[in-house]
Amino acid sequence: MARAPQSQRRRFGRGELLQPPAPAPAQALANCLEDLQRHWRMEGSLAAIWEDWPRLAGSQLAPHCRPLSLHNGLLTIGASQPQWRQALQYSRPQLMAALRSAGHSIKDLRIQQHHPAQRAELESEDAIWQRHPSRIDVHGLARCPRCQSPAPAGEMALWGHCGFCRRLELAAPVIASTDQ
């Protein structure tokens, strides 16, 4: 049976009272962050590569290429255009050397075409919400022709009836097929 160190034992009458060990001294936040970064690099974390990417890839390649995944030392890098993929292929030895000198344990690189979604192509949530059919402040209210309940006019324009009747309509084929 293990015995607690003397610093954790206190005599109390005829017995002993065990106390928890003294807490470790507090560290500065900067030291904690440095320890976290060092731990990322030792484990081979993609987050550490993302953090170092502009410096590792250089100012010309970094905006057009990005690390995508890291599994068992194989780093997959995506290039936005074929020209940048070719540039990555040509600078592969330099990139491997830069990764290793920065403390990343990378065994090999895989370079592939990657087409990230353009921010301009994506519609914002606000824009979608502004024209949503359930908004009564935009479309107004009307009566559903099926259930005679008040409902947003946008839903009636879209489906011909309210959202509740629409839900029943969509569920009807499922109910009919399970009855057979």
N, C-alpha and C. Protein backbone atom coordinates (compact mmCIF):
# COMPACT_ATOMS: atom_id res chain seq x y z
N MET A 1 0.84 -1.16 0.00
CA MET A 1 0.00 0.00 0.00
C MET A 1 0.89 1.24 0.00
N ALA A 2 0.54 2.21 -0.84
CA ALA A 2 1.33 3.44 -0.95
C ALA A 2 1.09 4.32 0.26
N ARG A 3 2.09 5.09 0.58
CA ARG A 3 2.02 5.97 1.74
C ARG A 3 2.22 7.40 1.27
N ALA A 4 1.40 8.31 1.80
CA ALA A 4 1.49 9.72 1.43
C ALA A 4 2.79 10.31 1.94
N PRO A 5 3.36 11.28 1.19
CA PRO A 5 4.58 11.93 1.67
C PRO A 5 4.32 12.68 2.99
N GLN A 6 5.37 12.89 3.73
CA GLN A 6 5.29 13.55 5.04
C GLN A 6 4.65 14.94 4.93
N SER A 7 4.89 15.65 3.83
CA SER A 7 4.35 17.01 3.67
C SER A 7 2.82 17.02 3.58
N GLN A 8 2.20 15.85 3.28
CA GLN A 8 0.75 15.79 3.15
C GLN A 8 0.08 15.16 4.39
N ARG A 9 0.88 14.73 5.36
CA ARG A 9 0.31 14.09 6.55
C ARG A 9 0.36 15.04 7.74
N ARG A 10 -0.73 15.09 8.51
CA ARG A 10 -0.82 15.90 9.73
C ARG A 10 -1.36 15.00 10.85
N ARG A 11 -0.73 15.10 11.98
CA ARG A 11 -1.18 14.31 13.13
C ARG A 11 -2.42 14.97 13.70
N PHE A 12 -3.39 14.16 14.01
CA PHE A 12 -4.65 14.65 14.56
C PHE A 12 -5.06 13.69 15.68
N GLY A 13 -4.75 14.05 16.90
CA GLY A 13 -5.01 13.15 18.02
C GLY A 13 -4.18 11.90 17.87
N ARG A 14 -4.85 10.74 17.85
CA ARG A 14 -4.13 9.47 17.70
C ARG A 14 -3.99 9.06 16.24
N GLY A 15 -4.63 9.78 15.32
CA GLY A 15 -4.58 9.41 13.91
C GLY A 15 -3.84 10.44 13.06
N GLU A 16 -3.95 10.22 11.81
CA GLU A 16 -3.32 11.11 10.84
C GLU A 16 -4.39 11.66 9.92
N LEU A 17 -4.20 12.88 9.51
CA LEU A 17 -5.10 13.53 8.58
C LEU A 17 -4.33 13.80 7.30
N LEU A 18 -4.88 13.33 6.17
CA LEU A 18 -4.21 13.55 4.89
C LEU A 18 -4.70 14.85 4.27
N GLN A 19 -3.79 15.61 3.71
CA GLN A 19 -4.10 16.87 3.05
C GLN A 19 -3.71 16.77 1.58
N PRO A 20 -4.43 17.48 0.73
CA PRO A 20 -4.05 17.45 -0.68
C PRO A 20 -2.69 18.12 -0.88
N PRO A 21 -2.00 17.76 -1.95
CA PRO A 21 -0.70 18.40 -2.19
C PRO A 21 -0.89 19.88 -2.49
N ALA A 22 0.17 20.64 -2.24
CA ALA A 22 0.12 22.08 -2.50
C ALA A 22 -0.05 22.32 -3.99
N PRO A 23 -0.87 23.29 -4.38
CA PRO A 23 -1.06 23.54 -5.81
C PRO A 23 0.21 24.06 -6.46
N ALA A 24 0.33 23.78 -7.73
CA ALA A 24 1.50 24.26 -8.48
C ALA A 24 1.46 25.79 -8.52
N PRO A 25 2.61 26.42 -8.53
CA PRO A 25 2.62 27.88 -8.58
C PRO A 25 1.99 28.38 -9.87
N ALA A 26 1.35 29.52 -9.79
CA ALA A 26 0.68 30.11 -10.96
C ALA A 26 1.72 30.53 -12.00
N GLN A 27 1.33 30.35 -13.28
CA GLN A 27 2.21 30.74 -14.38
C GLN A 27 1.61 31.94 -15.09
N ALA A 28 2.46 32.69 -15.72
CA ALA A 28 1.99 33.82 -16.52
C ALA A 28 1.25 33.28 -17.74
N LEU A 29 0.27 34.03 -18.21
CA LEU A 29 -0.53 33.61 -19.36
C LEU A 29 0.35 33.40 -20.60
N ALA A 30 1.33 34.25 -20.78
CA ALA A 30 2.23 34.11 -21.94
C ALA A 30 2.95 32.76 -21.90
N ASN A 31 3.36 32.32 -20.70
CA ASN A 31 4.02 31.01 -20.58
C ASN A 31 3.06 29.88 -20.92
N CYS A 32 1.79 30.02 -20.50
CA CYS A 32 0.79 28.99 -20.82
C CYS A 32 0.59 28.89 -22.33
N LEU A 33 0.53 30.04 -23.01
CA LEU A 33 0.34 30.04 -24.45
C LEU A 33 1.55 29.44 -25.16
N GLU A 34 2.75 29.75 -24.67
CA GLU A 34 3.96 29.17 -25.26
C GLU A 34 3.97 27.65 -25.08
N ASP A 35 3.54 27.18 -23.90
CA ASP A 35 3.47 25.74 -23.66
C ASP A 35 2.47 25.08 -24.61
N LEU A 36 1.34 25.75 -24.84
CA LEU A 36 0.33 25.22 -25.74
C LEU A 36 0.87 25.13 -27.17
N GLN A 37 1.56 26.17 -27.62
CA GLN A 37 2.14 26.15 -28.96
C GLN A 37 3.19 25.05 -29.09
N ARG A 38 4.01 24.89 -28.08
CA ARG A 38 5.03 23.84 -28.10
C ARG A 38 4.36 22.46 -28.13
N HIS A 39 3.29 22.30 -27.37
CA HIS A 39 2.53 21.04 -27.34
C HIS A 39 1.90 20.75 -28.70
N TRP A 40 1.36 21.77 -29.36
CA TRP A 40 0.78 21.63 -30.70
C TRP A 40 1.82 21.07 -31.66
N ARG A 41 3.01 21.64 -31.62
CA ARG A 41 4.05 21.23 -32.57
C ARG A 41 4.50 19.79 -32.30
N MET A 42 4.62 19.43 -31.02
CA MET A 42 5.07 18.08 -30.68
C MET A 42 4.04 17.04 -31.12
N GLU A 43 2.75 17.37 -31.03
CA GLU A 43 1.70 16.42 -31.40
C GLU A 43 1.43 16.41 -32.90
N GLY A 44 1.93 17.36 -33.63
CA GLY A 44 1.65 17.44 -35.06
C GLY A 44 0.26 17.98 -35.30
N SER A 45 -0.03 19.14 -34.77
CA SER A 45 -1.36 19.72 -34.88
C SER A 45 -1.47 20.59 -36.13
N LEU A 46 -2.61 20.47 -36.81
CA LEU A 46 -2.87 21.30 -37.98
C LEU A 46 -3.00 22.77 -37.59
N ALA A 47 -3.48 23.03 -36.37
CA ALA A 47 -3.63 24.41 -35.90
C ALA A 47 -2.27 25.11 -35.83
N ALA A 48 -1.24 24.39 -35.43
CA ALA A 48 0.09 25.00 -35.37
C ALA A 48 0.59 25.34 -36.77
N ILE A 49 0.29 24.49 -37.74
CA ILE A 49 0.71 24.76 -39.12
C ILE A 49 -0.06 25.96 -39.66
N TRP A 50 -1.37 26.04 -39.36
CA TRP A 50 -2.17 27.18 -39.79
C TRP A 50 -1.59 28.47 -39.23
N GLU A 51 -1.16 28.42 -37.98
CA GLU A 51 -0.61 29.62 -37.34
C GLU A 51 0.67 30.07 -38.04
N ASP A 52 1.50 29.12 -38.44
CA ASP A 52 2.79 29.44 -39.06
C ASP A 52 2.72 29.55 -40.59
N TRP A 53 1.57 29.25 -41.19
CA TRP A 53 1.48 29.12 -42.63
C TRP A 53 1.99 30.32 -43.42
N PRO A 54 1.61 31.56 -43.11
CA PRO A 54 2.12 32.68 -43.91
C PRO A 54 3.65 32.77 -43.92
N ARG A 55 4.26 32.45 -42.81
CA ARG A 55 5.72 32.50 -42.72
C ARG A 55 6.35 31.31 -43.44
N LEU A 56 5.74 30.13 -43.34
CA LEU A 56 6.30 28.92 -43.94
C LEU A 56 6.18 28.92 -45.46
N ALA A 57 5.01 29.27 -45.98
CA ALA A 57 4.76 29.21 -47.41
C ALA A 57 5.27 30.44 -48.15
N GLY A 58 5.41 31.54 -47.45
CA GLY A 58 5.87 32.76 -48.10
C GLY A 58 4.71 33.64 -48.51
N SER A 59 5.02 34.88 -48.77
CA SER A 59 3.97 35.86 -49.06
C SER A 59 3.28 35.62 -50.40
N GLN A 60 3.96 34.95 -51.34
CA GLN A 60 3.33 34.70 -52.64
C GLN A 60 2.43 33.46 -52.62
N LEU A 61 2.86 32.38 -51.98
CA LEU A 61 2.09 31.13 -51.99
C LEU A 61 0.98 31.10 -50.94
N ALA A 62 1.21 31.67 -49.78
CA ALA A 62 0.27 31.54 -48.67
C ALA A 62 -1.17 31.96 -48.98
N PRO A 63 -1.40 33.06 -49.70
CA PRO A 63 -2.80 33.43 -49.96
C PRO A 63 -3.52 32.48 -50.92
N HIS A 64 -2.77 31.71 -51.71
CA HIS A 64 -3.39 30.86 -52.73
C HIS A 64 -3.37 29.38 -52.39
N CYS A 65 -2.70 29.02 -51.30
CA CYS A 65 -2.58 27.62 -50.90
C CYS A 65 -2.83 27.55 -49.40
N ARG A 66 -3.45 26.45 -48.97
CA ARG A 66 -3.72 26.33 -47.54
C ARG A 66 -3.59 24.88 -47.09
N PRO A 67 -3.15 24.66 -45.85
CA PRO A 67 -3.12 23.30 -45.31
C PRO A 67 -4.54 22.82 -45.07
N LEU A 68 -4.85 21.62 -45.53
CA LEU A 68 -6.21 21.09 -45.41
C LEU A 68 -6.33 20.04 -44.32
N SER A 69 -5.37 19.12 -44.24
CA SER A 69 -5.44 18.08 -43.22
C SER A 69 -4.06 17.56 -42.89
N LEU A 70 -3.97 16.93 -41.73
CA LEU A 70 -2.71 16.35 -41.28
C LEU A 70 -3.04 15.02 -40.61
N HIS A 71 -2.59 13.92 -41.21
CA HIS A 71 -2.84 12.59 -40.66
C HIS A 71 -1.55 11.78 -40.73
N ASN A 72 -1.10 11.31 -39.58
CA ASN A 72 0.09 10.46 -39.49
C ASN A 72 1.30 11.07 -40.20
N GLY A 73 1.49 12.36 -40.06
CA GLY A 73 2.64 13.02 -40.65
C GLY A 73 2.48 13.39 -42.11
N LEU A 74 1.35 13.09 -42.73
CA LEU A 74 1.09 13.43 -44.13
C LEU A 74 0.25 14.71 -44.15
N LEU A 75 0.85 15.78 -44.62
CA LEU A 75 0.18 17.07 -44.70
C LEU A 75 -0.40 17.24 -46.10
N THR A 76 -1.71 17.48 -46.17
CA THR A 76 -2.38 17.72 -47.44
C THR A 76 -2.55 19.22 -47.60
N ILE A 77 -2.07 19.74 -48.73
CA ILE A 77 -2.14 21.17 -49.01
C ILE A 77 -3.00 21.36 -50.26
N GLY A 78 -3.92 22.29 -50.21
CA GLY A 78 -4.78 22.58 -51.33
C GLY A 78 -4.38 23.87 -52.01
N ALA A 79 -4.37 23.86 -53.34
CA ALA A 79 -4.04 25.04 -54.12
C ALA A 79 -5.29 25.49 -54.87
N SER A 80 -5.51 26.80 -54.93
CA SER A 80 -6.73 27.33 -55.53
C SER A 80 -6.74 27.26 -57.05
N GLN A 81 -5.59 27.28 -57.68
CA GLN A 81 -5.50 27.25 -59.15
C GLN A 81 -4.40 26.27 -59.56
N PRO A 82 -4.46 25.72 -60.78
CA PRO A 82 -3.41 24.80 -61.23
C PRO A 82 -2.01 25.42 -61.22
N GLN A 83 -1.93 26.74 -61.49
CA GLN A 83 -0.64 27.39 -61.48
C GLN A 83 -0.02 27.37 -60.08
N TRP A 84 -0.86 27.58 -59.06
CA TRP A 84 -0.35 27.57 -57.69
C TRP A 84 -0.02 26.16 -57.24
N ARG A 85 -0.74 25.19 -57.77
CA ARG A 85 -0.42 23.79 -57.46
C ARG A 85 0.95 23.44 -58.03
N GLN A 86 1.22 23.90 -59.24
CA GLN A 86 2.52 23.65 -59.86
C GLN A 86 3.62 24.37 -59.08
N ALA A 87 3.34 25.60 -58.65
CA ALA A 87 4.34 26.33 -57.86
C ALA A 87 4.63 25.60 -56.56
N LEU A 88 3.61 25.01 -55.95
CA LEU A 88 3.82 24.22 -54.74
C LEU A 88 4.67 22.99 -55.03
N GLN A 89 4.43 22.33 -56.15
CA GLN A 89 5.22 21.15 -56.52
C GLN A 89 6.70 21.53 -56.67
N TYR A 90 6.96 22.67 -57.31
CA TYR A 90 8.35 23.10 -57.51
C TYR A 90 9.02 23.50 -56.20
N SER A 91 8.25 24.05 -55.28
CA SER A 91 8.86 24.50 -54.01
C SER A 91 8.66 23.48 -52.89
N ARG A 92 8.31 22.27 -53.25
CA ARG A 92 8.07 21.22 -52.25
C ARG A 92 9.27 20.99 -51.32
N PRO A 93 10.50 20.84 -51.82
CA PRO A 93 11.63 20.62 -50.90
C PRO A 93 11.84 21.79 -49.93
N GLN A 94 11.70 23.02 -50.42
CA GLN A 94 11.87 24.18 -49.54
C GLN A 94 10.76 24.23 -48.48
N LEU A 95 9.53 23.87 -48.88
CA LEU A 95 8.42 23.88 -47.94
C LEU A 95 8.61 22.81 -46.87
N MET A 96 9.07 21.62 -47.28
CA MET A 96 9.35 20.55 -46.30
C MET A 96 10.42 20.99 -45.31
N ALA A 97 11.47 21.63 -45.83
CA ALA A 97 12.56 22.10 -44.95
C ALA A 97 12.05 23.17 -43.99
N ALA A 98 11.21 24.07 -44.49
CA ALA A 98 10.66 25.12 -43.62
C ALA A 98 9.77 24.53 -42.54
N LEU A 99 8.95 23.55 -42.90
CA LEU A 99 8.07 22.90 -41.92
C LEU A 99 8.88 22.19 -40.83
N ARG A 100 9.89 21.47 -41.25
CA ARG A 100 10.71 20.73 -40.28
C ARG A 100 11.53 21.66 -39.40
N SER A 101 12.05 22.74 -39.98
CA SER A 101 12.85 23.68 -39.17
C SER A 101 11.97 24.44 -38.18
N ALA A 102 10.67 24.56 -38.47
CA ALA A 102 9.75 25.23 -37.54
C ALA A 102 9.29 24.28 -36.44
N GLY A 103 9.72 23.02 -36.48
CA GLY A 103 9.39 22.06 -35.43
C GLY A 103 8.18 21.19 -35.72
N HIS A 104 7.68 21.22 -36.94
CA HIS A 104 6.54 20.38 -37.29
C HIS A 104 7.05 19.03 -37.78
N SER A 105 6.47 17.96 -37.25
CA SER A 105 6.92 16.61 -37.63
C SER A 105 6.11 16.13 -38.84
N ILE A 106 6.53 16.56 -40.01
CA ILE A 106 5.88 16.22 -41.27
C ILE A 106 6.74 15.19 -42.00
N LYS A 107 6.13 14.08 -42.39
CA LYS A 107 6.85 13.04 -43.13
C LYS A 107 6.78 13.27 -44.63
N ASP A 108 5.59 13.72 -45.10
CA ASP A 108 5.43 13.90 -46.54
C ASP A 108 4.34 14.93 -46.81
N LEU A 109 4.35 15.46 -48.03
CA LEU A 109 3.34 16.43 -48.46
C LEU A 109 2.50 15.83 -49.57
N ARG A 110 1.20 16.12 -49.55
CA ARG A 110 0.32 15.77 -50.65
C ARG A 110 -0.30 17.08 -51.13
N ILE A 111 -0.15 17.36 -52.40
CA ILE A 111 -0.63 18.63 -52.95
C ILE A 111 -1.78 18.32 -53.89
N GLN A 112 -2.90 19.02 -53.67
CA GLN A 112 -4.08 18.77 -54.49
C GLN A 112 -4.78 20.07 -54.83
N GLN A 113 -5.66 19.99 -55.80
CA GLN A 113 -6.46 21.14 -56.19
C GLN A 113 -7.54 21.34 -55.13
N HIS A 114 -7.77 22.57 -54.74
CA HIS A 114 -8.79 22.88 -53.73
C HIS A 114 -9.48 24.16 -54.14
N HIS A 115 -10.79 24.11 -54.24
CA HIS A 115 -11.57 25.27 -54.64
C HIS A 115 -12.38 25.76 -53.45
N PRO A 116 -11.82 26.67 -52.67
CA PRO A 116 -12.59 27.17 -51.52
C PRO A 116 -13.76 28.02 -51.99
N ALA A 117 -14.82 28.00 -51.24
CA ALA A 117 -16.00 28.81 -51.58
C ALA A 117 -15.63 30.29 -51.47
N GLN A 118 -15.99 31.02 -52.47
CA GLN A 118 -15.70 32.45 -52.47
C GLN A 118 -16.68 33.16 -51.56
N ARG A 119 -16.21 34.09 -50.78
CA ARG A 119 -17.06 34.84 -49.86
C ARG A 119 -18.13 35.63 -50.62
N ALA A 120 -17.81 36.10 -51.81
CA ALA A 120 -18.77 36.89 -52.57
C ALA A 120 -19.93 36.02 -53.06
N GLU A 121 -19.66 34.72 -53.32
CA GLU A 121 -20.70 33.83 -53.79
C GLU A 121 -21.66 33.42 -52.68
N LEU A 122 -21.20 33.39 -51.45
CA LEU A 122 -22.04 32.98 -50.34
C LEU A 122 -22.97 34.12 -49.94
N GLU A 123 -24.21 33.77 -49.72
CA GLU A 123 -25.19 34.77 -49.33
C GLU A 123 -25.22 34.85 -47.81
N SER A 124 -25.31 36.03 -47.29
CA SER A 124 -25.29 36.20 -45.84
C SER A 124 -26.62 35.75 -45.24
N GLU A 125 -26.58 35.41 -43.96
CA GLU A 125 -27.79 35.00 -43.26
C GLU A 125 -28.80 36.14 -43.20
N ASP A 126 -28.31 37.36 -43.07
CA ASP A 126 -29.21 38.52 -43.03
C ASP A 126 -29.99 38.66 -44.34
N ALA A 127 -29.31 38.45 -45.46
CA ALA A 127 -29.99 38.57 -46.76
C ALA A 127 -31.04 37.48 -46.92
N ILE A 128 -30.74 36.29 -46.46
CA ILE A 128 -31.71 35.19 -46.54
C ILE A 128 -32.91 35.49 -45.66
N TRP A 129 -32.66 35.98 -44.46
CA TRP A 129 -33.73 36.28 -43.52
C TRP A 129 -34.61 37.43 -44.02
N GLN A 130 -34.02 38.39 -44.71
CA GLN A 130 -34.79 39.54 -45.20
C GLN A 130 -35.90 39.12 -46.16
N ARG A 131 -35.71 38.06 -46.91
CA ARG A 131 -36.74 37.65 -47.86
C ARG A 131 -37.42 36.34 -47.49
N HIS A 132 -37.23 35.88 -46.25
CA HIS A 132 -37.83 34.62 -45.80
C HIS A 132 -39.35 34.71 -45.85
N PRO A 133 -40.04 33.66 -46.35
CA PRO A 133 -41.50 33.73 -46.53
C PRO A 133 -42.29 33.81 -45.23
N SER A 134 -41.69 33.46 -44.09
CA SER A 134 -42.45 33.48 -42.84
C SER A 134 -42.46 34.85 -42.16
N ARG A 135 -41.80 35.84 -42.73
CA ARG A 135 -41.74 37.17 -42.10
C ARG A 135 -43.02 37.94 -42.39
N ILE A 136 -43.77 38.22 -41.35
CA ILE A 136 -45.03 38.96 -41.53
C ILE A 136 -44.78 40.46 -41.64
N ASP A 137 -43.64 40.94 -41.09
CA ASP A 137 -43.36 42.37 -41.18
C ASP A 137 -42.98 42.79 -42.60
N VAL A 138 -42.59 41.84 -43.44
CA VAL A 138 -42.23 42.13 -44.83
C VAL A 138 -43.40 41.79 -45.76
N HIS A 139 -43.96 40.60 -45.58
CA HIS A 139 -44.97 40.10 -46.50
C HIS A 139 -46.41 40.36 -46.05
N GLY A 140 -46.61 40.64 -44.78
CA GLY A 140 -47.95 40.84 -44.26
C GLY A 140 -48.63 39.53 -43.90
N LEU A 141 -49.87 39.64 -43.40
CA LEU A 141 -50.65 38.47 -43.01
C LEU A 141 -51.79 38.23 -43.99
N ALA A 142 -52.18 36.95 -44.12
CA ALA A 142 -53.31 36.56 -44.94
C ALA A 142 -53.95 35.33 -44.30
N ARG A 143 -55.08 34.90 -44.80
CA ARG A 143 -55.75 33.69 -44.30
C ARG A 143 -55.41 32.51 -45.20
N CYS A 144 -55.08 31.41 -44.57
CA CYS A 144 -54.78 30.19 -45.31
C CYS A 144 -56.07 29.66 -45.93
N PRO A 145 -56.07 29.33 -47.23
CA PRO A 145 -57.29 28.84 -47.86
C PRO A 145 -57.72 27.46 -47.35
N ARG A 146 -56.83 26.69 -46.77
CA ARG A 146 -57.17 25.35 -46.27
C ARG A 146 -57.70 25.38 -44.85
N CYS A 147 -56.95 25.99 -43.92
CA CYS A 147 -57.33 25.94 -42.50
C CYS A 147 -57.93 27.25 -41.99
N GLN A 148 -57.94 28.27 -42.81
CA GLN A 148 -58.50 29.59 -42.47
C GLN A 148 -57.78 30.27 -41.30
N SER A 149 -56.56 29.84 -41.00
CA SER A 149 -55.77 30.47 -39.93
C SER A 149 -54.97 31.63 -40.51
N PRO A 150 -54.72 32.67 -39.70
CA PRO A 150 -53.86 33.74 -40.19
C PRO A 150 -52.42 33.21 -40.33
N ALA A 151 -51.77 33.56 -41.41
CA ALA A 151 -50.42 33.09 -41.70
C ALA A 151 -49.70 34.13 -42.55
N PRO A 152 -48.37 34.08 -42.60
CA PRO A 152 -47.62 35.02 -43.42
C PRO A 152 -48.00 34.89 -44.90
N ALA A 153 -48.20 36.01 -45.55
CA ALA A 153 -48.58 36.01 -46.96
C ALA A 153 -47.47 35.43 -47.84
N GLY A 154 -46.22 35.52 -47.40
CA GLY A 154 -45.10 34.95 -48.15
C GLY A 154 -45.21 33.44 -48.27
N GLU A 155 -45.71 32.78 -47.21
CA GLU A 155 -45.91 31.33 -47.27
C GLU A 155 -47.01 30.98 -48.27
N MET A 156 -48.12 31.78 -48.27
CA MET A 156 -49.21 31.52 -49.20
C MET A 156 -48.74 31.73 -50.65
N ALA A 157 -47.92 32.73 -50.88
CA ALA A 157 -47.41 32.98 -52.23
C ALA A 157 -46.48 31.85 -52.67
N LEU A 158 -45.74 31.29 -51.75
CA LEU A 158 -44.78 30.25 -52.09
C LEU A 158 -45.44 28.89 -52.27
N TRP A 159 -46.32 28.49 -51.32
CA TRP A 159 -46.88 27.15 -51.35
C TRP A 159 -48.38 27.10 -51.65
N GLY A 160 -49.06 28.23 -51.59
CA GLY A 160 -50.49 28.24 -51.80
C GLY A 160 -51.28 28.04 -50.52
N HIS A 161 -50.60 27.81 -49.40
CA HIS A 161 -51.23 27.65 -48.08
C HIS A 161 -50.17 27.91 -47.01
N CYS A 162 -50.55 27.84 -45.74
CA CYS A 162 -49.64 28.18 -44.64
C CYS A 162 -48.59 27.08 -44.43
N GLY A 163 -47.61 27.38 -43.60
CA GLY A 163 -46.53 26.44 -43.31
C GLY A 163 -47.02 25.18 -42.61
N PHE A 164 -48.04 25.30 -41.76
CA PHE A 164 -48.57 24.11 -41.06
C PHE A 164 -49.25 23.16 -42.06
N CYS A 165 -50.05 23.72 -42.96
CA CYS A 165 -50.70 22.88 -43.98
C CYS A 165 -49.64 22.29 -44.91
N ARG A 166 -48.60 23.03 -45.19
CA ARG A 166 -47.50 22.54 -46.03
C ARG A 166 -46.82 21.35 -45.36
N ARG A 167 -46.60 21.45 -44.07
CA ARG A 167 -45.98 20.36 -43.32
C ARG A 167 -46.86 19.11 -43.38
N LEU A 168 -48.18 19.29 -43.22
CA LEU A 168 -49.10 18.15 -43.32
C LEU A 168 -49.08 17.55 -44.71
N GLU A 169 -48.99 18.42 -45.71
CA GLU A 169 -48.94 17.96 -47.10
C GLU A 169 -47.69 17.13 -47.36
N LEU A 170 -46.57 17.56 -46.84
CA LEU A 170 -45.32 16.82 -47.04
C LEU A 170 -45.31 15.51 -46.28
N ALA A 171 -45.98 15.46 -45.13
CA ALA A 171 -46.00 14.25 -44.32
C ALA A 171 -47.02 13.24 -44.85
N ALA A 172 -48.00 13.67 -45.64
CA ALA A 172 -49.07 12.79 -46.12
C ALA A 172 -48.54 11.60 -46.91
N PRO A 173 -47.61 11.73 -47.87
CA PRO A 173 -47.12 10.56 -48.60
C PRO A 173 -46.42 9.57 -47.68
N VAL A 174 -45.74 10.07 -46.66
CA VAL A 174 -45.03 9.18 -45.74
C VAL A 174 -46.04 8.39 -44.94
N ILE A 175 -47.10 9.04 -44.48
CA ILE A 175 -48.14 8.35 -43.69
C ILE A 175 -48.85 7.33 -44.57
N ALA A 176 -49.16 7.68 -45.81
CA ALA A 176 -49.85 6.76 -46.71
C ALA A 176 -49.01 5.53 -47.01
N SER A 177 -47.69 5.71 -47.16
CA SER A 177 -46.82 4.56 -47.49
C SER A 177 -46.61 3.67 -46.29
N THR A 178 -46.70 4.18 -45.08
CA THR A 178 -46.52 3.33 -43.89
C THR A 178 -47.80 2.60 -43.54
N ASP A 179 -48.96 3.04 -44.04
CA ASP A 179 -50.22 2.38 -43.76
C ASP A 179 -50.36 1.08 -44.56
N GLN A 180 -49.67 0.95 -45.66
CA GLN A 180 -49.82 -0.21 -46.55
C GLN A 180 -49.13 -1.42 -46.00
